[in-house]
Amino acid sequence: MQDKTDIKAAVRQFLFDNFIMGGEVTIDDDTSFMKRHILDSTGFIELITYIEETYHVTVEDSEMLPENFDSLQNIAAYVARKHAAS
């Protein structure tokens, strides 16, 4: 399993590759994707699909919450919890 720093770096790159179209945008570990309007509802679905495929986890509907997916640090912690539980 990748460590949290690697997860955050990979997800950050995914966001830049797929959602940030130029401009001066920074995504810190605690940047809220919703507050900064980085992702819309469709973007969150794409992000969750990426996380499932990349980190071999299944995201349950009840887990699709900002506490799990609204920042890089939340995503890294979520993936670590899922791997620890399996």
N, C-alpha and C. Protein backbone atom coordinates (compact mmCIF):
# COMPACT_ATOMS: atom_id res chain seq x y z
N MET A 1 0.84 -1.20 0.00
CA MET A 1 0.00 0.00 0.00
C MET A 1 0.88 1.25 0.00
N GLN A 2 0.42 2.26 -0.71
CA GLN A 2 1.15 3.52 -0.74
C GLN A 2 0.92 4.26 0.58
N ASP A 3 1.90 5.11 0.93
CA ASP A 3 1.68 5.91 2.13
C ASP A 3 0.83 7.13 1.79
N LYS A 4 0.41 7.84 2.83
CA LYS A 4 -0.53 8.96 2.63
C LYS A 4 0.06 10.05 1.75
N THR A 5 1.36 10.28 1.83
CA THR A 5 1.98 11.31 1.00
C THR A 5 1.87 10.93 -0.47
N ASP A 6 2.11 9.66 -0.79
CA ASP A 6 2.00 9.20 -2.17
C ASP A 6 0.57 9.29 -2.67
N ILE A 7 -0.39 8.94 -1.82
CA ILE A 7 -1.80 9.01 -2.20
C ILE A 7 -2.18 10.45 -2.52
N LYS A 8 -1.80 11.37 -1.64
CA LYS A 8 -2.14 12.79 -1.86
C LYS A 8 -1.51 13.30 -3.15
N ALA A 9 -0.27 12.92 -3.41
CA ALA A 9 0.41 13.37 -4.64
C ALA A 9 -0.29 12.82 -5.88
N ALA A 10 -0.67 11.55 -5.84
CA ALA A 10 -1.32 10.93 -7.00
C ALA A 10 -2.70 11.54 -7.25
N VAL A 11 -3.47 11.76 -6.19
CA VAL A 11 -4.80 12.35 -6.35
C VAL A 11 -4.69 13.80 -6.80
N ARG A 12 -3.71 14.53 -6.26
CA ARG A 12 -3.48 15.92 -6.69
C ARG A 12 -3.21 15.95 -8.20
N GLN A 13 -2.36 15.04 -8.67
CA GLN A 13 -2.04 15.00 -10.10
C GLN A 13 -3.28 14.64 -10.92
N PHE A 14 -4.10 13.70 -10.44
CA PHE A 14 -5.35 13.34 -11.11
C PHE A 14 -6.25 14.57 -11.25
N LEU A 15 -6.36 15.35 -10.20
CA LEU A 15 -7.20 16.56 -10.24
C LEU A 15 -6.67 17.56 -11.27
N PHE A 16 -5.36 17.78 -11.27
CA PHE A 16 -4.79 18.71 -12.24
C PHE A 16 -4.95 18.20 -13.67
N ASP A 17 -4.76 16.91 -13.86
CA ASP A 17 -4.87 16.33 -15.20
C ASP A 17 -6.29 16.35 -15.74
N ASN A 18 -7.28 16.27 -14.87
CA ASN A 18 -8.65 16.08 -15.32
C ASN A 18 -9.61 17.24 -15.05
N PHE A 19 -9.28 18.13 -14.11
CA PHE A 19 -10.25 19.16 -13.74
C PHE A 19 -9.72 20.58 -13.73
N ILE A 20 -8.42 20.76 -13.62
CA ILE A 20 -7.84 22.11 -13.56
C ILE A 20 -7.38 22.48 -14.96
N MET A 21 -8.09 23.38 -15.57
CA MET A 21 -7.77 23.77 -16.95
C MET A 21 -7.03 25.10 -16.95
N GLY A 22 -5.75 25.03 -16.63
CA GLY A 22 -4.93 26.24 -16.63
C GLY A 22 -5.19 27.10 -15.41
N GLY A 23 -4.60 28.26 -15.38
CA GLY A 23 -4.80 29.17 -14.27
C GLY A 23 -3.88 28.87 -13.11
N GLU A 24 -3.90 29.76 -12.18
CA GLU A 24 -3.05 29.64 -10.99
C GLU A 24 -3.86 28.99 -9.87
N VAL A 25 -3.90 27.69 -9.86
CA VAL A 25 -4.64 26.95 -8.84
C VAL A 25 -3.65 26.14 -8.03
N THR A 26 -3.78 26.22 -6.71
CA THR A 26 -2.99 25.36 -5.84
C THR A 26 -3.96 24.48 -5.06
N ILE A 27 -3.56 23.27 -4.86
CA ILE A 27 -4.36 22.35 -4.06
C ILE A 27 -3.48 21.86 -2.92
N ASP A 28 -3.71 22.44 -1.76
CA ASP A 28 -2.99 22.01 -0.57
C ASP A 28 -3.66 20.76 -0.01
N ASP A 29 -3.01 20.12 0.94
CA ASP A 29 -3.57 18.90 1.51
C ASP A 29 -4.95 19.09 2.12
N ASP A 30 -5.22 20.30 2.64
CA ASP A 30 -6.50 20.55 3.30
C ASP A 30 -7.45 21.42 2.48
N THR A 31 -7.14 21.66 1.21
CA THR A 31 -8.02 22.46 0.35
C THR A 31 -9.34 21.73 0.14
N SER A 32 -10.45 22.42 0.39
CA SER A 32 -11.78 21.85 0.16
C SER A 32 -12.11 21.93 -1.32
N PHE A 33 -12.37 20.78 -1.94
CA PHE A 33 -12.71 20.75 -3.35
C PHE A 33 -14.04 21.46 -3.61
N MET A 34 -14.96 21.36 -2.67
CA MET A 34 -16.27 22.00 -2.85
C MET A 34 -16.17 23.51 -2.67
N LYS A 35 -15.53 23.96 -1.60
CA LYS A 35 -15.43 25.40 -1.35
C LYS A 35 -14.64 26.12 -2.44
N ARG A 36 -13.64 25.46 -3.00
CA ARG A 36 -12.82 26.07 -4.05
C ARG A 36 -13.39 25.82 -5.44
N HIS A 37 -14.52 25.09 -5.52
CA HIS A 37 -15.20 24.78 -6.79
C HIS A 37 -14.27 24.04 -7.75
N ILE A 38 -13.48 23.13 -7.20
CA ILE A 38 -12.59 22.32 -8.02
C ILE A 38 -13.37 21.19 -8.68
N LEU A 39 -14.33 20.62 -7.94
CA LEU A 39 -15.15 19.52 -8.46
C LEU A 39 -16.62 19.84 -8.34
N ASP A 40 -17.39 19.38 -9.32
CA ASP A 40 -18.85 19.42 -9.20
C ASP A 40 -19.30 17.99 -8.89
N SER A 41 -20.60 17.74 -8.90
CA SER A 41 -21.10 16.42 -8.53
C SER A 41 -20.58 15.33 -9.48
N THR A 42 -20.51 15.63 -10.76
CA THR A 42 -19.98 14.66 -11.72
C THR A 42 -18.50 14.42 -11.47
N GLY A 43 -17.78 15.47 -11.14
CA GLY A 43 -16.36 15.35 -10.83
C GLY A 43 -16.11 14.47 -9.63
N PHE A 44 -16.97 14.57 -8.61
CA PHE A 44 -16.81 13.71 -7.44
C PHE A 44 -17.00 12.25 -7.80
N ILE A 45 -17.94 11.96 -8.69
CA ILE A 45 -18.15 10.58 -9.13
C ILE A 45 -16.90 10.08 -9.86
N GLU A 46 -16.32 10.92 -10.72
CA GLU A 46 -15.10 10.54 -11.42
C GLU A 46 -13.95 10.31 -10.42
N LEU A 47 -13.86 11.17 -9.41
CA LEU A 47 -12.83 11.03 -8.39
C LEU A 47 -13.00 9.72 -7.63
N ILE A 48 -14.21 9.41 -7.24
CA ILE A 48 -14.47 8.18 -6.49
C ILE A 48 -14.14 6.95 -7.35
N THR A 49 -14.50 6.99 -8.62
CA THR A 49 -14.16 5.89 -9.53
C THR A 49 -12.64 5.73 -9.62
N TYR A 50 -11.94 6.84 -9.74
CA TYR A 50 -10.47 6.80 -9.77
C TYR A 50 -9.92 6.16 -8.50
N ILE A 51 -10.42 6.56 -7.36
CA ILE A 51 -9.94 6.04 -6.08
C ILE A 51 -10.21 4.54 -5.97
N GLU A 52 -11.40 4.12 -6.38
CA GLU A 52 -11.73 2.69 -6.33
C GLU A 52 -10.78 1.88 -7.22
N GLU A 53 -10.55 2.36 -8.43
CA GLU A 53 -9.72 1.62 -9.38
C GLU A 53 -8.24 1.66 -9.00
N THR A 54 -7.78 2.79 -8.54
CA THR A 54 -6.36 2.96 -8.24
C THR A 54 -5.96 2.27 -6.94
N TYR A 55 -6.81 2.37 -5.92
CA TYR A 55 -6.45 1.86 -4.59
C TYR A 55 -7.18 0.58 -4.22
N HIS A 56 -7.92 0.01 -5.17
CA HIS A 56 -8.59 -1.28 -4.98
C HIS A 56 -9.45 -1.30 -3.72
N VAL A 57 -10.31 -0.28 -3.62
CA VAL A 57 -11.28 -0.21 -2.52
C VAL A 57 -12.67 -0.08 -3.13
N THR A 58 -13.66 -0.45 -2.35
CA THR A 58 -15.04 -0.25 -2.76
C THR A 58 -15.62 0.85 -1.88
N VAL A 59 -16.08 1.91 -2.51
CA VAL A 59 -16.67 3.03 -1.79
C VAL A 59 -18.17 2.78 -1.70
N GLU A 60 -18.65 2.62 -0.50
CA GLU A 60 -20.09 2.42 -0.28
C GLU A 60 -20.80 3.76 -0.40
N ASP A 61 -22.07 3.71 -0.78
CA ASP A 61 -22.86 4.95 -0.91
C ASP A 61 -22.82 5.76 0.39
N SER A 62 -22.89 5.08 1.52
CA SER A 62 -22.90 5.76 2.82
C SER A 62 -21.57 6.43 3.13
N GLU A 63 -20.51 6.09 2.38
CA GLU A 63 -19.19 6.67 2.61
C GLU A 63 -18.91 7.87 1.72
N MET A 64 -19.80 8.17 0.80
CA MET A 64 -19.61 9.29 -0.12
C MET A 64 -19.95 10.60 0.58
N LEU A 65 -19.06 11.00 1.47
CA LEU A 65 -19.25 12.17 2.32
C LEU A 65 -18.06 13.10 2.20
N PRO A 66 -18.28 14.39 2.43
CA PRO A 66 -17.15 15.33 2.42
C PRO A 66 -16.04 14.91 3.40
N GLU A 67 -16.42 14.31 4.51
CA GLU A 67 -15.42 13.88 5.50
C GLU A 67 -14.44 12.88 4.90
N ASN A 68 -14.84 12.21 3.83
CA ASN A 68 -13.96 11.22 3.19
C ASN A 68 -13.32 11.72 1.90
N PHE A 69 -13.95 12.66 1.20
CA PHE A 69 -13.52 12.97 -0.17
C PHE A 69 -13.37 14.45 -0.50
N ASP A 70 -13.46 15.37 0.47
CA ASP A 70 -13.43 16.79 0.12
C ASP A 70 -12.04 17.42 0.22
N SER A 71 -11.02 16.64 0.47
CA SER A 71 -9.66 17.17 0.47
C SER A 71 -8.69 16.02 0.29
N LEU A 72 -7.47 16.35 -0.04
CA LEU A 72 -6.45 15.32 -0.20
C LEU A 72 -6.20 14.57 1.10
N GLN A 73 -6.15 15.31 2.21
CA GLN A 73 -5.90 14.63 3.48
C GLN A 73 -7.05 13.72 3.86
N ASN A 74 -8.29 14.12 3.55
CA ASN A 74 -9.44 13.25 3.84
C ASN A 74 -9.38 11.98 3.00
N ILE A 75 -9.01 12.11 1.73
CA ILE A 75 -8.92 10.95 0.85
C ILE A 75 -7.83 10.00 1.33
N ALA A 76 -6.67 10.53 1.65
CA ALA A 76 -5.56 9.68 2.11
C ALA A 76 -5.94 8.93 3.38
N ALA A 77 -6.60 9.61 4.31
CA ALA A 77 -7.03 8.96 5.55
C ALA A 77 -8.09 7.89 5.27
N TYR A 78 -9.00 8.19 4.35
CA TYR A 78 -10.05 7.23 3.99
C TYR A 78 -9.44 5.96 3.39
N VAL A 79 -8.54 6.12 2.43
CA VAL A 79 -7.91 4.97 1.79
C VAL A 79 -7.13 4.15 2.83
N ALA A 80 -6.43 4.81 3.72
CA ALA A 80 -5.69 4.10 4.78
C ALA A 80 -6.64 3.31 5.68
N ARG A 81 -7.78 3.91 6.04
CA ARG A 81 -8.77 3.20 6.86
C ARG A 81 -9.32 1.98 6.12
N LYS A 82 -9.63 2.14 4.83
CA LYS A 82 -10.17 1.03 4.06
C LYS A 82 -9.16 -0.11 3.95
N HIS A 83 -7.91 0.21 3.73
CA HIS A 83 -6.89 -0.83 3.62
C HIS A 83 -6.66 -1.50 4.96
N ALA A 84 -6.70 -0.74 6.05
CA ALA A 84 -6.51 -1.31 7.38
C ALA A 84 -7.66 -2.26 7.74
N ALA A 85 -8.85 -1.97 7.23
CA ALA A 85 -10.03 -2.79 7.55
C ALA A 85 -10.08 -4.07 6.72
N SER A 86 -9.31 -4.12 5.64
CA SER A 86 -9.39 -5.32 4.78
C SER A 86 -8.33 -6.35 5.12
